[in-house]
Amino acid sequence: MTIQEFIDILKSKSRFPFDVQVHSEKRIYIRIGRENLKSIAYILFREMGAKFSIASGVHIREGFEVLYHFTFDKDKFICTVRTLAPHDDPKLDSLVSIIPGTTWIEREIYDILGVQFLGHPNLKRLVKSEFLSQNEFPFRKDFDIKKFKEEHGLTPKITFIEPLEKSKRKSK
């Protein structure tokens, strides 16, 4: 299946709008509204046989963009589904009921960005939760790493030693 054939099939199977960006003959990006995330995941994973590779998230101006990466190994291309959780409502539907392999990555994205995955069976923090308050997420642009390090005693205590040449001159 070519990428154009893939797009045509996806259009015929979906009942919602999406934007397409063909990056190359091996990479395509699909942008969808968050309300259609579960539907497109079902189509790609269950109906079209894509493999779920990983998801990633990034804090952008408009909110939190989450990218789900699917591979079509037989056809040798990758499809990345992009969706947005806005700042004022950082929530997306969990894909665990469709793709059990999303369990840990959704927890990680929640942990570092604060995106809540509705319907996730065990959405709790993973990394260093004893250091982070409930509303602190280290990959958000407004996370103050300097303040965080100071509050938790994580700033290095460096003492500078004078170079050998200077200390010899002073002792003379």
Protein backbone atom coordinates (compact mmCIF):
# COMPACT_ATOMS: atom_id res chain seq x y z
CA MET A 1 0.00 0.00 0.00
CA THR A 2 1.33 3.43 -0.91
CA ILE A 3 0.83 6.45 1.29
CA GLN A 4 -1.80 7.80 -1.13
CA GLU A 5 -3.67 4.49 -0.98
CA PHE A 6 -3.41 4.64 2.82
CA ILE A 7 -4.91 8.16 2.86
CA ASP A 8 -7.77 7.06 0.59
CA ILE A 9 -8.54 4.05 2.81
CA LEU A 10 -8.38 6.18 5.95
CA LYS A 11 -10.76 8.73 4.43
CA SER A 12 -13.24 6.00 3.50
CA LYS A 13 -13.14 4.43 6.98
CA SER A 14 -13.29 7.63 9.05
CA ARG A 15 -16.32 9.80 9.69
CA PHE A 16 -14.37 12.80 10.92
CA PRO A 17 -12.10 15.43 9.40
CA PHE A 18 -8.32 15.22 9.58
CA ASP A 19 -5.40 17.07 8.07
CA VAL A 20 -2.67 15.20 6.24
CA GLN A 21 0.97 16.13 5.82
CA VAL A 22 3.03 13.78 3.68
CA HIS A 23 6.57 14.25 4.87
CA SER A 24 8.14 11.65 2.57
CA GLU A 25 7.30 8.32 0.95
CA LYS A 26 8.01 6.74 4.35
CA ARG A 27 6.41 9.23 6.75
CA ILE A 28 2.96 10.77 7.06
CA TYR A 29 1.42 12.99 9.75
CA ILE A 30 -2.30 13.03 10.50
CA ARG A 31 -3.69 15.87 12.64
CA ILE A 32 -7.03 15.24 14.32
CA GLY A 33 -9.25 16.78 16.95
CA ARG A 34 -8.91 15.13 20.33
CA GLU A 35 -12.53 13.97 20.23
CA ASN A 36 -11.55 11.64 17.35
CA LEU A 37 -8.44 10.12 18.91
CA LYS A 38 -10.00 6.80 19.90
CA SER A 39 -11.71 6.43 16.53
CA ILE A 40 -8.53 6.89 14.51
CA ALA A 41 -6.57 4.63 16.85
CA TYR A 42 -9.17 1.91 16.39
CA ILE A 43 -9.05 2.25 12.61
CA LEU A 44 -5.25 2.23 12.42
CA PHE A 45 -4.56 -0.43 15.02
CA ARG A 46 -7.52 -2.80 14.83
CA GLU A 47 -8.80 -2.40 11.28
CA MET A 48 -5.67 -1.58 9.30
CA GLY A 49 -3.18 -3.63 11.33
CA ALA A 50 -0.72 -0.88 12.21
CA LYS A 51 1.74 -1.50 15.01
CA PHE A 52 1.81 1.03 17.83
CA SER A 53 5.43 2.11 18.31
CA ILE A 54 5.39 4.85 20.93
CA ALA A 55 3.76 8.14 21.84
CA SER A 56 5.45 11.40 22.67
CA GLY A 57 4.31 14.73 24.00
CA VAL A 58 5.49 18.31 23.82
CA HIS A 59 4.40 21.59 25.35
CA ILE A 60 3.68 24.04 22.55
CA ARG A 61 2.09 27.50 22.46
CA GLU A 62 -1.45 26.14 21.93
CA GLY A 63 -1.26 23.44 24.62
CA PHE A 64 0.12 19.94 24.84
CA GLU A 65 0.58 18.10 21.59
CA VAL A 66 0.60 14.33 21.87
CA LEU A 67 1.92 12.31 18.95
CA TYR A 68 1.11 8.63 18.47
CA HIS A 69 3.53 6.82 16.18
CA PHE A 70 2.26 3.82 14.19
CA THR A 71 4.23 1.67 11.79
CA PHE A 72 3.08 -0.23 8.76
CA ASP A 73 5.99 -2.64 8.55
CA LYS A 74 4.87 -4.50 5.43
CA ASP A 75 4.41 -1.21 3.57
CA LYS A 76 7.50 0.39 5.13
CA PHE A 77 6.06 3.68 6.36
CA ILE A 78 5.24 5.44 9.61
CA CYS A 79 2.04 7.29 10.39
CA THR A 80 2.10 9.79 13.23
CA VAL A 81 -1.22 10.94 14.65
CA ARG A 82 -1.06 14.39 16.22
CA THR A 83 -3.65 15.79 18.60
CA LEU A 84 -3.84 18.65 21.06
CA ALA A 85 -4.85 18.90 24.69
CA PRO A 86 -5.35 22.63 25.37
CA HIS A 87 -3.76 24.41 28.35
CA ASP A 88 -7.09 25.05 30.04
CA ASP A 89 -8.27 21.44 29.69
CA PRO A 90 -5.25 19.11 29.29
CA LYS A 91 -7.21 15.92 28.78
CA LEU A 92 -7.29 13.21 26.13
CA ASP A 93 -9.07 9.90 25.95
CA SER A 94 -6.87 6.98 26.97
CA LEU A 95 -6.13 4.46 24.25
CA VAL A 96 -5.47 1.58 26.67
CA SER A 97 -8.81 -0.09 25.89
CA ILE A 98 -7.84 -0.23 22.19
CA ILE A 99 -4.06 -0.54 22.47
CA PRO A 100 -2.97 -2.07 25.80
CA GLY A 101 0.63 -1.12 24.94
CA THR A 102 -0.15 2.54 25.62
CA THR A 103 -0.48 1.94 29.37
CA TRP A 104 3.00 3.02 30.42
CA ILE A 105 3.58 5.79 27.88
CA GLU A 106 0.32 7.52 28.81
CA ARG A 107 1.45 7.42 32.44
CA GLU A 108 4.81 8.89 31.46
CA ILE A 109 3.24 11.72 29.45
CA TYR A 110 0.93 12.42 32.39
CA ASP A 111 3.93 12.47 34.70
CA ILE A 112 6.08 14.86 32.69
CA LEU A 113 3.45 17.10 31.02
CA GLY A 114 0.30 16.71 33.12
CA VAL A 115 -1.92 15.50 30.29
CA GLN A 116 -4.72 13.46 31.87
CA PHE A 117 -5.79 10.36 29.97
CA LEU A 118 -9.47 9.80 30.64
CA GLY A 119 -10.38 6.18 31.20
CA HIS A 120 -6.81 5.06 31.94
CA PRO A 121 -6.99 2.16 34.43
CA ASN A 122 -4.03 3.29 36.58
CA LEU A 123 -3.11 6.90 35.84
CA LYS A 124 -0.55 7.77 38.49
CA ARG A 125 2.89 9.26 38.49
CA LEU A 126 5.96 7.22 37.68
CA VAL A 127 9.12 9.25 38.09
CA LYS A 128 10.30 10.78 41.36
CA SER A 129 6.79 11.52 42.54
CA GLU A 130 8.07 12.22 46.05
CA PHE A 131 9.84 15.33 44.73
CA LEU A 132 7.05 16.73 42.59
CA SER A 133 3.87 18.31 43.87
CA GLN A 134 0.59 17.30 42.29
CA ASN A 135 0.71 20.32 39.94
CA GLU A 136 4.38 20.23 38.94
CA PHE A 137 5.30 18.73 35.58
CA PRO A 138 8.97 18.94 34.58
CA PHE A 139 8.51 19.10 30.78
CA ARG A 140 6.16 22.06 30.86
CA LYS A 141 7.62 25.34 29.71
CA ASP A 142 6.56 27.04 32.95
CA PHE A 143 8.41 24.54 35.15
CA ASP A 144 11.12 26.44 37.07
CA ILE A 145 13.98 23.96 37.17
CA LYS A 146 16.28 26.33 39.07
CA LYS A 147 13.72 26.84 41.85
CA PHE A 148 12.97 23.11 41.92
CA LYS A 149 16.65 22.23 42.36
CA GLU A 150 17.10 24.83 45.11
CA GLU A 151 14.02 23.65 47.03
CA HIS A 152 15.17 20.05 46.98
CA GLY A 153 18.87 20.57 47.60
CA LEU A 154 19.81 19.45 44.13
CA THR A 155 22.08 22.36 43.23
CA PRO A 156 25.73 21.37 43.16
CA LYS A 157 27.93 22.90 45.81
CA ILE A 158 31.01 23.74 43.78
CA THR A 159 34.05 25.35 45.32
CA PHE A 160 36.57 26.73 42.93
CA ILE A 161 40.23 25.99 43.49
CA GLU A 162 42.74 28.52 42.33
CA PRO A 163 44.94 27.36 39.48
CA LEU A 164 48.29 26.04 40.63
CA GLU A 165 50.27 28.90 39.07
CA LYS A 166 48.34 31.56 41.03
CA SER A 167 48.65 29.79 44.36
CA LYS A 168 52.44 29.39 43.91
CA ARG A 169 52.80 33.13 43.17
CA LYS A 170 50.89 34.09 46.32
CA SER A 171 53.06 31.94 48.56
CA LYS A 172 56.30 33.65 47.39
